[in-house]
Amino acid sequence: MAEPGEIAVEVAYALPERQRILALKVPAGTTMLDAVERSGIARLFEGLDLANARMGIFGKAVADPRVQVLADGDRVEIYRPLTADPKETRKARARKAAATGPAAD
């Protein structure tokens, strides 16, 4: 349980082969970026660029983690860059499905 004036939050980051979720207590009024930096998660993942990483809270992207203040119980998620354009991936699947014919039920 957090002390008065503190909140409990989690910071999460995942690669395909491993993930980490770190629990920490931070002062009330702490921003997302401050919490992520305090967590030390960047030391656990080589090449993790916190200054430019996209982040969200419980799956909802946040436009500016530098100003988004956290609430007690929030989980900050650090998102990896996309390796493929989702639109192009869907188009490729549709082309493949069209080329192989209708699916059997």
PDB file of N, CA and C in Angstrom:
ATOM      1  N   MET A   1       0.839  -1.181   0.000  1.00  0.00           N
ATOM      2  CA  MET A   1       0.000   0.000   0.000  1.00  0.00           C
ATOM      3  C   MET A   1       0.889   1.252   0.000  1.00  0.00           C
ATOM      4  N   ALA A   2       0.497   2.242  -0.768  1.00  0.00           N
ATOM      5  CA  ALA A   2       1.281   3.462  -0.866  1.00  0.00           C
ATOM      6  C   ALA A   2       1.093   4.319   0.389  1.00  0.00           C
ATOM      7  N   GLU A   3       2.137   5.032   0.729  1.00  0.00           N
ATOM      8  CA  GLU A   3       2.098   5.958   1.859  1.00  0.00           C
ATOM      9  C   GLU A   3       1.289   7.192   1.454  1.00  0.00           C
ATOM     10  N   PRO A   4       0.842   7.990   2.441  1.00  0.00           N
ATOM     11  CA  PRO A   4       0.130   9.229   2.093  1.00  0.00           C
ATOM     12  C   PRO A   4       1.009  10.097   1.189  1.00  0.00           C
ATOM     13  N   GLY A   5       0.391  10.645   0.165  1.00  0.00           N
ATOM     14  CA  GLY A   5       1.135  11.471  -0.781  1.00  0.00           C
ATOM     15  C   GLY A   5       1.817  10.667  -1.861  1.00  0.00           C
ATOM     16  N   GLU A   6       1.693   9.330  -1.821  1.00  0.00           N
ATOM     17  CA  GLU A   6       2.270   8.453  -2.844  1.00  0.00           C
ATOM     18  C   GLU A   6       1.155   7.692  -3.550  1.00  0.00           C
ATOM     19  N   ILE A   7       1.465   7.252  -4.746  1.00  0.00           N
ATOM     20  CA  ILE A   7       0.557   6.373  -5.479  1.00  0.00           C
ATOM     21  C   ILE A   7       1.346   5.156  -5.947  1.00  0.00           C
ATOM     22  N   ALA A   8       0.658   4.039  -6.108  1.00  0.00           N
ATOM     23  CA  ALA A   8       1.274   2.812  -6.610  1.00  0.00           C
ATOM     24  C   ALA A   8       0.949   2.692  -8.097  1.00  0.00           C
ATOM     25  N   VAL A   9       1.987   2.491  -8.908  1.00  0.00           N
ATOM     26  CA  VAL A   9       1.811   2.338 -10.352  1.00  0.00           C
ATOM     27  C   VAL A   9       2.677   1.185 -10.843  1.00  0.00           C
ATOM     28  N   GLU A  10       2.447   0.773 -12.071  1.00  0.00           N
ATOM     29  CA  GLU A  10       3.274  -0.238 -12.720  1.00  0.00           C
ATOM     30  C   GLU A  10       3.779   0.325 -14.034  1.00  0.00           C
ATOM     31  N   VAL A  11       4.952  -0.148 -14.439  1.00  0.00           N
ATOM     32  CA  VAL A  11       5.533   0.202 -15.729  1.00  0.00           C
ATOM     33  C   VAL A  11       5.786  -1.113 -16.459  1.00  0.00           C
ATOM     34  N   ALA A  12       5.292  -1.218 -17.692  1.00  0.00           N
ATOM     35  CA  ALA A  12       5.395  -2.471 -18.445  1.00  0.00           C
ATOM     36  C   ALA A  12       6.028  -2.243 -19.809  1.00  0.00           C
ATOM     37  N   TYR A  13       6.865  -3.206 -20.196  1.00  0.00           N
ATOM     38  CA  TYR A  13       7.457  -3.210 -21.537  1.00  0.00           C
ATOM     39  C   TYR A  13       7.642  -4.660 -21.940  1.00  0.00           C
ATOM     40  N   ALA A  14       7.409  -4.954 -23.206  1.00  0.00           N
ATOM     41  CA  ALA A  14       7.526  -6.338 -23.665  1.00  0.00           C
ATOM     42  C   ALA A  14       8.179  -6.401 -25.032  1.00  0.00           C
ATOM     43  N   LEU A  15       9.023  -7.387 -25.168  1.00  0.00           N
ATOM     44  CA  LEU A  15       9.580  -7.792 -26.459  1.00  0.00           C
ATOM     45  C   LEU A  15       8.940  -9.134 -26.787  1.00  0.00           C
ATOM     46  N   PRO A  16       9.065  -9.613 -28.015  1.00  0.00           N
ATOM     47  CA  PRO A  16       8.453 -10.916 -28.328  1.00  0.00           C
ATOM     48  C   PRO A  16       8.941 -12.039 -27.415  1.00  0.00           C
ATOM     49  N   GLU A  17      10.195 -11.965 -26.979  1.00  0.00           N
ATOM     50  CA  GLU A  17      10.761 -13.062 -26.195  1.00  0.00           C
ATOM     51  C   GLU A  17      10.732 -12.845 -24.678  1.00  0.00           C
ATOM     52  N   ARG A  18      10.468 -11.622 -24.218  1.00  0.00           N
ATOM     53  CA  ARG A  18      10.421 -11.391 -22.777  1.00  0.00           C
ATOM     54  C   ARG A  18       9.690 -10.104 -22.457  1.00  0.00           C
ATOM     55  N   GLN A  19       9.199 -10.033 -21.217  1.00  0.00           N
ATOM     56  CA  GLN A  19       8.502  -8.832 -20.766  1.00  0.00           C
ATOM     57  C   GLN A  19       8.866  -8.545 -19.319  1.00  0.00           C
ATOM     58  N   ARG A  20       8.639  -7.317 -18.910  1.00  0.00           N
ATOM     59  CA  ARG A  20       8.847  -6.931 -17.504  1.00  0.00           C
ATOM     60  C   ARG A  20       7.714  -5.990 -17.104  1.00  0.00           C
ATOM     61  N   ILE A  21       7.200  -6.209 -15.923  1.00  0.00           N
ATOM     62  CA  ILE A  21       6.249  -5.296 -15.305  1.00  0.00           C
ATOM     63  C   ILE A  21       6.830  -4.947 -13.947  1.00  0.00           C
ATOM     64  N   LEU A  22       7.121  -3.679 -13.767  1.00  0.00           N
ATOM     65  CA  LEU A  22       7.748  -3.210 -12.527  1.00  0.00           C
ATOM     66  C   LEU A  22       6.744  -2.404 -11.717  1.00  0.00           C
ATOM     67  N   ALA A  23       6.579  -2.764 -10.463  1.00  0.00           N
ATOM     68  CA  ALA A  23       5.699  -2.023  -9.556  1.00  0.00           C
ATOM     69  C   ALA A  23       6.542  -1.011  -8.789  1.00  0.00           C
ATOM     70  N   LEU A  24       6.016   0.180  -8.648  1.00  0.00           N
ATOM     71  CA  LEU A  24       6.736   1.191  -7.875  1.00  0.00           C
ATOM     72  C   LEU A  24       5.767   2.175  -7.252  1.00  0.00           C
ATOM     73  N   LYS A  25       6.247   2.878  -6.246  1.00  0.00           N
ATOM     74  CA  LYS A  25       5.490   3.941  -5.599  1.00  0.00           C
ATOM     75  C   LYS A  25       6.146   5.254  -5.977  1.00  0.00           C
ATOM     76  N   VAL A  26       5.306   6.196  -6.370  1.00  0.00           N
ATOM     77  CA  VAL A  26       5.804   7.506  -6.793  1.00  0.00           C
ATOM     78  C   VAL A  26       4.977   8.589  -6.099  1.00  0.00           C
ATOM     79  N   PRO A  27       5.515   9.786  -6.004  1.00  0.00           N
ATOM     80  CA  PRO A  27       4.728  10.868  -5.409  1.00  0.00           C
ATOM     81  C   PRO A  27       3.489  11.172  -6.254  1.00  0.00           C
ATOM     82  N   ALA A  28       2.394  11.505  -5.595  1.00  0.00           N
ATOM     83  CA  ALA A  28       1.202  11.956  -6.313  1.00  0.00           C
ATOM     84  C   ALA A  28       1.606  13.131  -7.200  1.00  0.00           C
ATOM     85  N   GLY A  29       1.069  13.177  -8.399  1.00  0.00           N
ATOM     86  CA  GLY A  29       1.417  14.240  -9.344  1.00  0.00           C
ATOM     87  C   GLY A  29       2.516  13.855 -10.309  1.00  0.00           C
ATOM     88  N   THR A  30       3.034  12.634 -10.195  1.00  0.00           N
ATOM     89  CA  THR A  30       4.094  12.158 -11.090  1.00  0.00           C
ATOM     90  C   THR A  30       3.544  11.924 -12.487  1.00  0.00           C
ATOM     91  N   THR A  31       4.304  12.327 -13.493  1.00  0.00           N
ATOM     92  CA  THR A  31       3.883  12.104 -14.874  1.00  0.00           C
ATOM     93  C   THR A  31       4.310  10.708 -15.342  1.00  0.00           C
ATOM     94  N   MET A  32       3.748  10.296 -16.465  1.00  0.00           N
ATOM     95  CA  MET A  32       4.086   8.991 -17.031  1.00  0.00           C
ATOM     96  C   MET A  32       5.582   8.867 -17.276  1.00  0.00           C
ATOM     97  N   LEU A  33       6.158   9.846 -17.949  1.00  0.00           N
ATOM     98  CA  LEU A  33       7.574   9.777 -18.287  1.00  0.00           C
ATOM     99  C   LEU A  33       8.437   9.744 -17.031  1.00  0.00           C
ATOM    100  N   ASP A  34       8.074  10.532 -16.027  1.00  0.00           N
ATOM    101  CA  ASP A  34       8.837  10.514 -14.772  1.00  0.00           C
ATOM    102  C   ASP A  34       8.796   9.126 -14.130  1.00  0.00           C
ATOM    103  N   ALA A  35       7.628   8.503 -14.102  1.00  0.00           N
ATOM    104  CA  ALA A  35       7.492   7.175 -13.504  1.00  0.00           C
ATOM    105  C   ALA A  35       8.313   6.147 -14.261  1.00  0.00           C
ATOM    106  N   VAL A  36       8.278   6.221 -15.580  1.00  0.00           N
ATOM    107  CA  VAL A  36       9.039   5.268 -16.400  1.00  0.00           C
ATOM    108  C   VAL A  36      10.536   5.446 -16.141  1.00  0.00           C
ATOM    109  N   GLU A  37      10.990   6.670 -16.074  1.00  0.00           N
ATOM    110  CA  GLU A  37      12.407   6.919 -15.793  1.00  0.00           C
ATOM    111  C   GLU A  37      12.784   6.437 -14.397  1.00  0.00           C
ATOM    112  N   ARG A  38      11.925   6.684 -13.404  1.00  0.00           N
ATOM    113  CA  ARG A  38      12.191   6.233 -12.031  1.00  0.00           C
ATOM    114  C   ARG A  38      12.241   4.707 -11.927  1.00  0.00           C
ATOM    115  N   SER A  39      11.475   4.031 -12.782  1.00  0.00           N
ATOM    116  CA  SER A  39      11.394   2.569 -12.710  1.00  0.00           C
ATOM    117  C   SER A  39      12.716   1.896 -13.062  1.00  0.00           C
ATOM    118  N   GLY A  40      13.532   2.556 -13.881  1.00  0.00           N
ATOM    119  CA  GLY A  40      14.790   1.964 -14.323  1.00  0.00           C
ATOM    120  C   GLY A  40      14.625   0.919 -15.416  1.00  0.00           C
ATOM    121  N   ILE A  41      13.473   0.850 -16.027  1.00  0.00           N
ATOM    122  CA  ILE A  41      13.204  -0.180 -17.030  1.00  0.00           C
ATOM    123  C   ILE A  41      14.116  -0.067 -18.249  1.00  0.00           C
ATOM    124  N   ALA A  42      14.568   1.130 -18.564  1.00  0.00           N
ATOM    125  CA  ALA A  42      15.442   1.312 -19.732  1.00  0.00           C
ATOM    126  C   ALA A  42      16.762   0.570 -19.576  1.00  0.00           C
ATOM    127  N   ARG A  43      17.197   0.365 -18.331  1.00  0.00           N
ATOM    128  CA  ARG A  43      18.442  -0.382 -18.098  1.00  0.00           C
ATOM    129  C   ARG A  43      18.270  -1.869 -18.382  1.00  0.00           C
ATOM    130  N   LEU A  44      17.035  -2.338 -18.397  1.00  0.00           N
ATOM    131  CA  LEU A  44      16.765  -3.760 -18.606  1.00  0.00           C
ATOM    132  C   LEU A  44      16.599  -4.134 -20.077  1.00  0.00           C
ATOM    133  N   PHE A  45      16.402  -3.130 -20.943  1.00  0.00           N
ATOM    134  CA  PHE A  45      16.171  -3.378 -22.363  1.00  0.00           C
ATOM    135  C   PHE A  45      17.088  -2.474 -23.189  1.00  0.00           C
ATOM    136  N   GLU A  46      18.095  -3.078 -23.777  1.00  0.00           N
ATOM    137  CA  GLU A  46      19.050  -2.318 -24.580  1.00  0.00           C
ATOM    138  C   GLU A  46      18.336  -1.632 -25.746  1.00  0.00           C
ATOM    139  N   GLY A  47      18.650  -0.369 -25.938  1.00  0.00           N
ATOM    140  CA  GLY A  47      18.096   0.377 -27.059  1.00  0.00           C
ATOM    141  C   GLY A  47      16.730   0.989 -26.809  1.00  0.00           C
ATOM    142  N   LEU A  48      16.172   0.826 -25.630  1.00  0.00           N
ATOM    143  CA  LEU A  48      14.866   1.418 -25.325  1.00  0.00           C
ATOM    144  C   LEU A  48      15.031   2.926 -25.165  1.00  0.00           C
ATOM    145  N   ASP A  49      14.427   3.676 -26.064  1.00  0.00           N
ATOM    146  CA  ASP A  49      14.545   5.136 -26.094  1.00  0.00           C
ATOM    147  C   ASP A  49      13.290   5.755 -25.485  1.00  0.00           C
ATOM    148  N   LEU A  50      13.336   6.011 -24.194  1.00  0.00           N
ATOM    149  CA  LEU A  50      12.157   6.515 -23.492  1.00  0.00           C
ATOM    150  C   LEU A  50      11.708   7.883 -23.993  1.00  0.00           C
ATOM    151  N   ALA A  51      12.630   8.713 -24.384  1.00  0.00           N
ATOM    152  CA  ALA A  51      12.274  10.069 -24.823  1.00  0.00           C
ATOM    153  C   ALA A  51      11.390  10.041 -26.071  1.00  0.00           C
ATOM    154  N   ASN A  52      11.528   9.005 -26.895  1.00  0.00           N
ATOM    155  CA  ASN A  52      10.760   8.943 -28.138  1.00  0.00           C
ATOM    156  C   ASN A  52       9.758   7.794 -28.191  1.00  0.00           C
ATOM    157  N   ALA A  53       9.674   7.012 -27.129  1.00  0.00           N
ATOM    158  CA  ALA A  53       8.773   5.863 -27.127  1.00  0.00           C
ATOM    159  C   ALA A  53       7.324   6.310 -26.972  1.00  0.00           C
ATOM    160  N   ARG A  54       6.433   5.616 -27.659  1.00  0.00           N
ATOM    161  CA  ARG A  54       4.996   5.838 -27.467  1.00  0.00           C
ATOM    162  C   ARG A  54       4.601   5.110 -26.189  1.00  0.00           C
ATOM    163  N   MET A  55       3.658   5.686 -25.459  1.00  0.00           N
ATOM    164  CA  MET A  55       3.224   5.106 -24.198  1.00  0.00           C
ATOM    165  C   MET A  55       1.715   5.228 -24.057  1.00  0.00           C
ATOM    166  N   GLY A  56       1.184   4.401 -23.170  1.00  0.00           N
ATOM    167  CA  GLY A  56      -0.236   4.459 -22.881  1.00  0.00           C
ATOM    168  C   GLY A  56      -0.502   3.985 -21.469  1.00  0.00           C
ATOM    169  N   ILE A  57      -1.753   4.103 -21.077  1.00  0.00           N
ATOM    170  CA  ILE A  57      -2.201   3.626 -19.768  1.00  0.00           C
ATOM    171  C   ILE A  57      -3.288   2.597 -20.026  1.00  0.00           C
ATOM    172  N   PHE A  58      -3.044   1.359 -19.594  1.00  0.00           N
ATOM    173  CA  PHE A  58      -3.994   0.259 -19.789  1.00  0.00           C
ATOM    174  C   PHE A  58      -4.486   0.176 -21.234  1.00  0.00           C
ATOM    175  N   GLY A  59      -3.558   0.236 -22.193  1.00  0.00           N
ATOM    176  CA  GLY A  59      -3.904   0.034 -23.598  1.00  0.00           C
ATOM    177  C   GLY A  59      -4.429   1.251 -24.329  1.00  0.00           C
ATOM    178  N   LYS A  60      -4.536   2.374 -23.663  1.00  0.00           N
ATOM    179  CA  LYS A  60      -4.993   3.599 -24.325  1.00  0.00           C
ATOM    180  C   LYS A  60      -3.807   4.524 -24.504  1.00  0.00           C
ATOM    181  N   ALA A  61      -3.468   4.809 -25.759  1.00  0.00           N
ATOM    182  CA  ALA A  61      -2.320   5.661 -26.061  1.00  0.00           C
ATOM    183  C   ALA A  61      -2.502   7.048 -25.456  1.00  0.00           C
ATOM    184  N   VAL A  62      -1.393   7.609 -24.995  1.00  0.00           N
ATOM    185  CA  VAL A  62      -1.378   8.958 -24.419  1.00  0.00           C
ATOM    186  C   VAL A  62      -0.509   9.824 -25.319  1.00  0.00           C
ATOM    187  N   ALA A  63      -1.042  10.964 -25.723  1.00  0.00           N
ATOM    188  CA  ALA A  63      -0.347  11.834 -26.668  1.00  0.00           C
ATOM    189  C   ALA A  63       0.980  12.367 -26.129  1.00  0.00           C
ATOM    190  N   ASP A  64       1.009  12.783 -24.881  1.00  0.00           N
ATOM    191  CA  ASP A  64       2.230  13.380 -24.336  1.00  0.00           C
ATOM    192  C   ASP A  64       2.524  12.853 -22.934  1.00  0.00           C
ATOM    193  N   PRO A  65       3.323  11.785 -22.845  1.00  0.00           N
ATOM    194  CA  PRO A  65       3.645  11.204 -21.534  1.00  0.00           C
ATOM    195  C   PRO A  65       4.378  12.165 -20.595  1.00  0.00           C
ATOM    196  N   ARG A  66       4.943  13.241 -21.137  1.00  0.00           N
ATOM    197  CA  ARG A  66       5.658  14.208 -20.298  1.00  0.00           C
ATOM    198  C   ARG A  66       4.716  15.019 -19.422  1.00  0.00           C
ATOM    199  N   VAL A  67       3.443  15.113 -19.819  1.00  0.00           N
ATOM    200  CA  VAL A  67       2.500  15.925 -19.054  1.00  0.00           C
ATOM    201  C   VAL A  67       1.351  15.123 -18.448  1.00  0.00           C
ATOM    202  N   GLN A  68       1.164  13.879 -18.880  1.00  0.00           N
ATOM    203  CA  GLN A  68       0.077  13.049 -18.359  1.00  0.00           C
ATOM    204  C   GLN A  68       0.381  12.612 -16.925  1.00  0.00           C
ATOM    205  N   VAL A  69      -0.414  13.085 -15.981  1.00  0.00           N
ATOM    206  CA  VAL A  69      -0.238  12.744 -14.568  1.00  0.00           C
ATOM    207  C   VAL A  69      -0.918  11.409 -14.294  1.00  0.00           C
ATOM    208  N   LEU A  70      -0.235  10.567 -13.524  1.00  0.00           N
ATOM    209  CA  LEU A  70      -0.749   9.241 -13.216  1.00  0.00           C
ATOM    210  C   LEU A  70      -1.691   9.247 -12.021  1.00  0.00           C
ATOM    211  N   ALA A  71      -2.564   8.251 -11.998  1.00  0.00           N
ATOM    212  CA  ALA A  71      -3.456   8.020 -10.864  1.00  0.00           C
ATOM    213  C   ALA A  71      -3.035   6.730 -10.171  1.00  0.00           C
ATOM    214  N   ASP A  72      -3.433   6.576  -8.934  1.00  0.00           N
ATOM    215  CA  ASP A  72      -3.108   5.371  -8.179  1.00  0.00           C
ATOM    216  C   ASP A  72      -3.631   4.139  -8.931  1.00  0.00           C
ATOM    217  N   GLY A  73      -2.761   3.140  -9.103  1.00  0.00           N
ATOM    218  CA  GLY A  73      -3.140   1.902  -9.767  1.00  0.00           C
ATOM    219  C   GLY A  73      -2.926   1.883 -11.266  1.00  0.00           C
ATOM    220  N   ASP A  74      -2.507   2.990 -11.866  1.00  0.00           N
ATOM    221  CA  ASP A  74      -2.281   3.015 -13.317  1.00  0.00           C
ATOM    222  C   ASP A  74      -1.136   2.083 -13.712  1.00  0.00           C
ATOM    223  N   ARG A  75      -1.255   1.498 -14.908  1.00  0.00           N
ATOM    224  CA  ARG A  75      -0.155   0.725 -15.497  1.00  0.00           C
ATOM    225  C   ARG A  75       0.288   1.455 -16.763  1.00  0.00           C
ATOM    226  N   VAL A  76       1.517   1.934 -16.743  1.00  0.00           N
ATOM    227  CA  VAL A  76       2.093   2.605 -17.898  1.00  0.00           C
ATOM    228  C   VAL A  76       2.664   1.533 -18.821  1.00  0.00           C
ATOM    229  N   GLU A  77       2.260   1.558 -20.073  1.00  0.00           N
ATOM    230  CA  GLU A  77       2.760   0.607 -21.057  1.00  0.00           C
ATOM    231  C   GLU A  77       3.612   1.350 -22.076  1.00  0.00           C
ATOM    232  N   ILE A  78       4.788   0.827 -22.315  1.00  0.00           N
ATOM    233  CA  ILE A  78       5.697   1.405 -23.305  1.00  0.00           C
ATOM    234  C   ILE A  78       5.533   0.563 -24.561  1.00  0.00           C
ATOM    235  N   TYR A  79       5.195   1.214 -25.668  1.00  0.00           N
ATOM    236  CA  TYR A  79       4.908   0.488 -26.902  1.00  0.00           C
ATOM    237  C   TYR A  79       6.136   0.417 -27.796  1.00  0.00           C
ATOM    238  N   ARG A  80       6.337  -0.762 -28.391  1.00  0.00           N
ATOM    239  CA  ARG A  80       7.421  -0.943 -29.361  1.00  0.00           C
ATOM    240  C   ARG A  80       7.000  -0.335 -30.695  1.00  0.00           C
ATOM    241  N   PRO A  81       7.975   0.100 -31.496  1.00  0.00           N
ATOM    242  CA  PRO A  81       7.636   0.580 -32.842  1.00  0.00           C
ATOM    243  C   PRO A  81       7.074  -0.576 -33.661  1.00  0.00           C
ATOM    244  N   LEU A  82       6.151  -0.272 -34.558  1.00  0.00           N
ATOM    245  CA  LEU A  82       5.599  -1.294 -35.441  1.00  0.00           C
ATOM    246  C   LEU A  82       6.663  -1.757 -36.413  1.00  0.00           C
ATOM    247  N   THR A  83       6.710  -3.060 -36.651  1.00  0.00           N
ATOM    248  CA  THR A  83       7.678  -3.592 -37.613  1.00  0.00           C
ATOM    249  C   THR A  83       7.071  -3.684 -39.004  1.00  0.00           C
ATOM    250  N   ALA A  84       5.753  -3.617 -39.093  1.00  0.00           N
ATOM    251  CA  ALA A  84       5.069  -3.659 -40.383  1.00  0.00           C
ATOM    252  C   ALA A  84       3.878  -2.717 -40.324  1.00  0.00           C
ATOM    253  N   ASP A  85       3.539  -2.153 -41.468  1.00  0.00           N
ATOM    254  CA  ASP A  85       2.385  -1.276 -41.571  1.00  0.00           C
ATOM    255  C   ASP A  85       1.117  -2.133 -41.522  1.00  0.00           C
ATOM    256  N   PRO A  86       0.249  -1.946 -40.515  1.00  0.00           N
ATOM    257  CA  PRO A  86      -0.944  -2.783 -40.396  1.00  0.00           C
ATOM    258  C   PRO A  86      -1.833  -2.763 -41.632  1.00  0.00           C
ATOM    259  N   LYS A  87      -1.912  -1.608 -42.294  1.00  0.00           N
ATOM    260  CA  LYS A  87      -2.733  -1.503 -43.508  1.00  0.00           C
ATOM    261  C   LYS A  87      -2.187  -2.397 -44.618  1.00  0.00           C
ATOM    262  N   GLU A  88      -0.877  -2.347 -44.788  1.00  0.00           N
ATOM    263  CA  GLU A  88      -0.253  -3.168 -45.824  1.00  0.00           C
ATOM    264  C   GLU A  88      -0.365  -4.657 -45.486  1.00  0.00           C
ATOM    265  N   THR A  89      -0.271  -5.001 -44.226  1.00  0.00           N
ATOM    266  CA  THR A  89      -0.406  -6.395 -43.810  1.00  0.00           C
ATOM    267  C   THR A  89      -1.806  -6.913 -44.134  1.00  0.00           C
ATOM    268  N   ARG A  90      -2.835  -6.106 -43.850  1.00  0.00           N
ATOM    269  CA  ARG A  90      -4.214  -6.513 -44.171  1.00  0.00           C
ATOM    270  C   ARG A  90      -4.403  -6.670 -45.674  1.00  0.00           C
ATOM    271  N   LYS A  91      -3.832  -5.735 -46.444  1.00  0.00           N
ATOM    272  CA  LYS A  91      -3.954  -5.826 -47.906  1.00  0.00           C
ATOM    273  C   LYS A  91      -3.297  -7.098 -48.426  1.00  0.00           C
ATOM    274  N   ALA A  92      -2.131  -7.433 -47.880  1.00  0.00           N
ATOM    275  CA  ALA A  92      -1.431  -8.641 -48.316  1.00  0.00           C
ATOM    276  C   ALA A  92      -2.242  -9.890 -47.978  1.00  0.00           C
ATOM    277  N   ARG A  93      -2.866  -9.916 -46.800  1.00  0.00           N
ATOM    278  CA  ARG A  93      -3.715 -11.062 -46.423  1.00  0.00           C
ATOM    279  C   ARG A  93      -4.908 -11.173 -47.359  1.00  0.00           C
ATOM    280  N   ALA A  94      -5.509 -10.040 -47.697  1.00  0.00           N
ATOM    281  CA  ALA A  94      -6.663 -10.046 -48.599  1.00  0.00           C
ATOM    282  C   ALA A  94      -6.265 -10.545 -49.984  1.00  0.00           C
ATOM    283  N   ARG A  95      -5.094 -10.106 -50.478  1.00  0.00           N
ATOM    284  CA  ARG A  95      -4.624 -10.575 -51.801  1.00  0.00           C
ATOM    285  C   ARG A  95      -4.394 -12.086 -51.768  1.00  0.00           C
ATOM    286  N   LYS A  96      -3.788 -12.572 -50.693  1.00  0.00           N
ATOM    287  CA  LYS A  96      -3.515 -14.009 -50.570  1.00  0.00           C
ATOM    288  C   LYS A  96      -4.818 -14.800 -50.521  1.00  0.00           C
ATOM    289  N   ALA A  97      -5.795 -14.304 -49.759  1.00  0.00           N
ATOM    290  CA  ALA A  97      -7.084 -14.987 -49.657  1.00  0.00           C
ATOM    291  C   ALA A  97      -7.798 -15.003 -51.004  1.00  0.00           C
ATOM    292  N   ALA A  98      -7.718 -13.906 -51.746  1.00  0.00           N
ATOM    293  CA  ALA A  98      -8.360 -13.841 -53.054  1.00  0.00           C
ATOM    294  C   ALA A  98      -7.678 -14.805 -54.032  1.00  0.00           C
ATOM    295  N   ALA A  99      -6.377 -14.940 -53.929  1.00  0.00           N
ATOM    296  CA  ALA A  99      -5.635 -15.812 -54.850  1.00  0.00           C
ATOM    297  C   ALA A  99      -5.898 -17.298 -54.576  1.00  0.00           C
ATOM    298  N   THR A 100      -6.171 -17.644 -53.321  1.00  0.00           N
ATOM    299  CA  THR A 100      -6.396 -19.060 -52.987  1.00  0.00           C
ATOM    300  C   THR A 100      -7.856 -19.457 -53.128  1.00  0.00           C
ATOM    301  N   GLY A 101      -8.738 -18.524 -53.362  1.00  0.00           N
ATOM    302  CA  GLY A 101     -10.145 -18.854 -53.555  1.00  0.00           C
ATOM    303  C   GLY A 101     -10.921 -18.772 -52.270  1.00  0.00           C
ATOM    304  N   PRO A 102     -12.230 -19.078 -52.359  1.00  0.00           N
ATOM    305  CA  PRO A 102     -13.073 -18.972 -51.158  1.00  0.00           C
ATOM    306  C   PRO A 102     -12.710 -20.029 -50.120  1.00  0.00           C
ATOM    307  N   ALA A 103     -12.888 -19.654 -48.892  1.00  0.00           N
ATOM    308  CA  ALA A 103     -12.578 -20.575 -47.779  1.00  0.00           C
ATOM    309  C   ALA A 103     -13.710 -21.594 -47.652  1.00  0.00           C
ATOM    310  N   ALA A 104     -13.343 -22.809 -47.304  1.00  0.00           N
ATOM    311  CA  ALA A 104     -14.337 -23.864 -47.098  1.00  0.00           C
ATOM    312  C   ALA A 104     -14.919 -23.743 -45.706  1.00  0.00           C
ATOM    313  N   ASP A 105     -16.229 -23.947 -45.588  1.00  0.00           N
ATOM    314  CA  ASP A 105     -16.884 -23.875 -44.269  1.00  0.00           C
ATOM    315  C   ASP A 105     -16.932 -25.214 -43.613  1.00  0.00           C
TER     316      ASP A 105
END
